Amino acid sequence: MNEPHPTLLQLSLLGGASFREVTQLLGGLTWAEASAAHPALPRTLAEVIWHLSVTQRASLNIASGRADGWPDDLNVWPPAPLTEPEFTAAHADLLAGLPEAQALARDPSSRARDVLTDLAVHSAYHWGQVALLRRLNGTLPAAGAGA
């Protein structure tokens, strides 16, 4: 059976329409690159990816009905420098959430559509940061390159 053509909301969450696919943006990313600080920039790639993971997870919990709202005490930026295992876990959780986001965006309830639209806009901003940091590092995968 053929999968239906992705909706605009799905493409906005996963890339592939307005920006590169998320898996392409993250292709070949190493801890050494992710943890490297840039003197003029406030965040490392690892911190941006951790932030994307945390906000995606909270948003998916709301969109799926597992949570009623945004947790009051949620730290959306790491409270301390990340360790490699923390980064690896955040990176894996971020990638694991993409199929869930795609499934929820296929035919969302009104509430899920609102939450996922907010997530897509928020994430697009940070995916731009990821692309810029990787370009500055000289490691941005070529357009169309696989993960």
Protein backbone atom coordinates (compact mmCIF):
# COMPACT_ATOMS: atom_id res chain seq x y z
CA MET A 1 0.00 0.00 0.00
CA ASN A 2 1.34 3.43 -0.89
CA GLU A 3 1.79 6.04 1.80
CA PRO A 4 -0.23 9.19 1.13
CA HIS A 5 1.71 12.24 -0.03
CA PRO A 6 3.01 14.09 3.06
CA THR A 7 0.93 17.04 4.20
CA LEU A 8 2.40 20.51 4.47
CA LEU A 9 2.36 20.14 8.25
CA GLN A 10 4.31 16.88 8.01
CA LEU A 11 6.87 18.47 5.70
CA SER A 12 7.14 21.48 8.00
CA LEU A 13 7.97 19.18 10.92
CA LEU A 14 10.42 16.94 9.08
CA GLY A 15 11.88 19.17 6.41
CA GLY A 16 11.82 18.39 2.75
CA ALA A 17 9.78 21.35 1.54
CA SER A 18 10.96 24.67 2.93
CA PHE A 19 14.25 23.37 4.32
CA ARG A 20 16.38 20.25 4.15
CA GLU A 21 15.15 17.08 5.75
CA VAL A 22 16.11 16.86 9.40
CA THR A 23 17.96 13.59 8.87
CA GLN A 24 20.08 15.32 6.21
CA LEU A 25 20.84 18.28 8.48
CA LEU A 26 22.03 15.88 11.19
CA GLY A 27 23.87 13.47 8.87
CA GLY A 28 27.34 12.58 10.12
CA LEU A 29 27.15 14.83 13.17
CA THR A 30 29.74 13.88 15.78
CA TRP A 31 30.05 14.73 19.47
CA ALA A 32 33.25 16.65 18.75
CA GLU A 33 31.44 18.91 16.31
CA ALA A 34 28.25 19.16 18.37
CA SER A 35 30.08 20.18 21.54
CA ALA A 36 32.43 22.70 19.91
CA ALA A 37 31.82 26.27 21.05
CA HIS A 38 31.90 29.22 18.66
CA PRO A 39 33.20 32.40 20.33
CA ALA A 40 30.53 34.71 18.91
CA LEU A 41 27.59 32.33 19.32
CA PRO A 42 25.66 31.61 22.53
CA ARG A 43 24.90 27.91 21.91
CA THR A 44 26.62 24.78 20.69
CA LEU A 45 25.01 22.38 18.25
CA ALA A 46 24.60 19.94 21.15
CA GLU A 47 22.63 22.51 23.14
CA VAL A 48 20.39 23.36 20.17
CA ILE A 49 19.71 19.67 19.53
CA TRP A 50 18.98 19.09 23.24
CA HIS A 51 16.55 22.03 23.14
CA LEU A 52 14.86 20.67 20.00
CA SER A 53 14.52 17.26 21.62
CA VAL A 54 13.01 18.60 24.84
CA THR A 55 10.53 20.89 23.12
CA GLN A 56 9.59 18.23 20.56
CA ARG A 57 8.97 15.65 23.29
CA ALA A 58 6.79 18.03 25.34
CA SER A 59 4.86 19.07 22.23
CA LEU A 60 4.29 15.48 21.12
CA ASN A 61 3.04 14.58 24.60
CA ILE A 62 0.46 17.37 24.35
CA ALA A 63 -0.48 16.66 20.72
CA SER A 64 -0.97 12.95 21.45
CA GLY A 65 -3.00 13.56 24.62
CA ARG A 66 -0.37 12.10 26.97
CA ALA A 67 -0.13 15.52 28.65
CA ASP A 68 -2.64 18.30 29.15
CA GLY A 69 -0.17 21.15 28.78
CA TRP A 70 3.38 22.35 28.88
CA PRO A 71 5.15 21.30 32.12
CA ASP A 72 5.68 24.33 34.38
CA ASP A 73 9.12 23.21 35.51
CA LEU A 74 10.50 22.11 32.14
CA ASN A 75 14.05 23.29 31.42
CA VAL A 76 14.08 23.95 27.68
CA TRP A 77 17.83 24.61 27.62
CA PRO A 78 20.38 22.40 29.35
CA PRO A 79 21.06 23.69 32.87
CA ALA A 80 24.74 22.66 32.62
CA PRO A 81 27.17 21.78 29.86
CA LEU A 82 26.05 18.56 28.20
CA THR A 83 27.95 15.33 28.44
CA GLU A 84 28.35 13.08 25.42
CA PRO A 85 25.79 10.54 26.77
CA GLU A 86 23.25 13.34 27.37
CA PHE A 87 23.77 14.61 23.84
CA THR A 88 23.52 11.10 22.39
CA ALA A 89 20.25 10.49 24.25
CA ALA A 90 18.78 13.83 23.13
CA HIS A 91 19.86 13.23 19.52
CA ALA A 92 18.30 9.74 19.55
CA ASP A 93 15.07 11.00 21.16
CA LEU A 94 14.83 13.80 18.61
CA LEU A 95 15.14 11.34 15.73
CA ALA A 96 12.76 8.88 17.40
CA GLY A 97 10.12 11.60 17.73
CA LEU A 98 10.09 12.44 14.02
CA PRO A 99 7.96 9.43 12.95
CA GLU A 100 5.54 10.17 15.80
CA ALA A 101 5.29 13.80 14.69
CA GLN A 102 4.67 12.66 11.13
CA ALA A 103 1.96 10.23 12.23
CA LEU A 104 0.22 12.82 14.42
CA ALA A 105 0.36 15.38 11.61
CA ARG A 106 -1.21 13.04 9.06
CA ASP A 107 -4.77 13.66 10.31
CA PRO A 108 -4.51 15.77 13.47
CA SER A 109 -7.23 16.87 15.82
CA SER A 110 -7.67 20.63 16.09
CA ARG A 111 -5.61 20.70 19.30
CA ALA A 112 -2.86 18.53 17.81
CA ARG A 113 -2.75 20.70 14.67
CA ASP A 114 -2.24 23.83 16.78
CA VAL A 115 0.50 22.23 18.88
CA LEU A 116 2.25 20.69 15.88
CA THR A 117 2.09 23.94 13.90
CA ASP A 118 3.71 25.75 16.81
CA LEU A 119 6.34 23.00 17.02
CA ALA A 120 7.02 23.21 13.27
CA VAL A 121 7.54 26.98 13.36
CA HIS A 122 9.68 26.82 16.50
CA SER A 123 11.77 23.95 15.17
CA ALA A 124 12.30 25.56 11.75
CA TYR A 125 14.00 28.48 13.47
CA HIS A 126 16.38 26.12 15.24
CA TRP A 127 16.94 23.92 12.18
CA GLY A 128 18.22 27.09 10.54
CA GLN A 129 20.68 27.45 13.42
CA VAL A 130 21.79 23.85 12.97
CA ALA A 131 22.36 24.42 9.25
CA LEU A 132 24.28 27.64 9.89
CA LEU A 133 26.50 26.08 12.57
CA ARG A 134 27.24 23.11 10.34
CA ARG A 135 28.01 25.43 7.43
CA LEU A 136 30.40 27.42 9.65
CA ASN A 137 32.05 24.13 10.61
CA GLY A 138 32.30 23.10 6.96
CA THR A 139 30.28 19.95 7.70
CA LEU A 140 26.82 20.73 6.32
CA PRO A 141 25.95 17.70 4.19
CA ALA A 142 25.35 18.46 0.53
CA ALA A 143 21.72 18.96 -0.42
CA GLY A 144 20.11 15.60 -1.11
CA ALA A 145 22.76 13.70 0.88
CA GLY A 146 21.40 10.91 3.05
CA ALA A 147 21.73 10.66 6.81
